[in-house]
């Protein structure tokens, strides 16, 4: 993901990654 600059966004990105 290109928008993982903010901490909450990184957490959300990790959740999406593990959800796949």
N, C-alpha and C. Protein backbone atom coordinates (compact mmCIF):
# COMPACT_ATOMS: atom_id res chain seq x y z
N UNK A 1 0.85 -1.20 0.00
CA UNK A 1 0.00 0.00 0.00
C UNK A 1 0.89 1.25 0.00
N UNK A 2 0.44 2.28 -0.69
CA UNK A 2 1.24 3.50 -0.78
C UNK A 2 0.97 4.45 0.37
N UNK A 3 -0.18 4.27 1.03
CA UNK A 3 -0.54 5.21 2.10
C UNK A 3 -0.44 4.53 3.45
N UNK A 4 0.81 4.29 3.89
CA UNK A 4 1.03 3.68 5.21
C UNK A 4 1.93 4.59 6.02
N UNK A 5 1.80 5.90 5.78
CA UNK A 5 2.67 6.87 6.44
C UNK A 5 2.24 7.10 7.89
N UNK A 6 0.95 6.95 8.17
CA UNK A 6 0.46 7.18 9.52
C UNK A 6 0.29 5.86 10.27
N UNK A 7 0.51 5.90 11.57
CA UNK A 7 0.46 4.68 12.39
C UNK A 7 -0.88 3.96 12.28
N UNK A 8 -2.02 4.64 12.45
CA UNK A 8 -3.32 3.95 12.33
C UNK A 8 -3.49 3.30 10.97
N UNK A 9 -2.95 3.93 9.94
CA UNK A 9 -3.08 3.40 8.59
C UNK A 9 -2.23 2.15 8.44
N UNK A 10 -1.05 2.14 9.08
CA UNK A 10 -0.19 0.95 9.05
C UNK A 10 -0.91 -0.22 9.71
N UNK A 11 -1.56 0.04 10.83
CA UNK A 11 -2.31 -1.01 11.53
C UNK A 11 -3.41 -1.56 10.64
N UNK A 12 -4.12 -0.67 9.98
CA UNK A 12 -5.19 -1.08 9.07
C UNK A 12 -4.64 -1.88 7.91
N UNK A 13 -3.46 -1.46 7.39
CA UNK A 13 -2.83 -2.17 6.29
C UNK A 13 -2.42 -3.58 6.71
N UNK A 14 -1.91 -3.70 7.93
CA UNK A 14 -1.52 -5.01 8.44
C UNK A 14 -2.73 -5.92 8.57
N UNK A 15 -3.84 -5.39 9.06
CA UNK A 15 -5.07 -6.17 9.21
C UNK A 15 -5.53 -6.69 7.85
N UNK A 16 -5.50 -5.79 6.85
CA UNK A 16 -5.91 -6.18 5.50
C UNK A 16 -4.98 -7.25 4.94
N UNK A 17 -3.68 -7.09 5.22
CA UNK A 17 -2.70 -8.04 4.70
C UNK A 17 -2.93 -9.43 5.29
N UNK A 18 -3.18 -9.49 6.60
CA UNK A 18 -3.41 -10.78 7.24
C UNK A 18 -4.77 -11.36 6.87
N UNK A 19 -5.70 -10.49 6.50
CA UNK A 19 -7.05 -10.95 6.16
C UNK A 19 -7.06 -11.66 4.81
N UNK A 20 -6.07 -11.37 3.97
CA UNK A 20 -6.05 -11.99 2.63
C UNK A 20 -5.69 -13.47 2.73
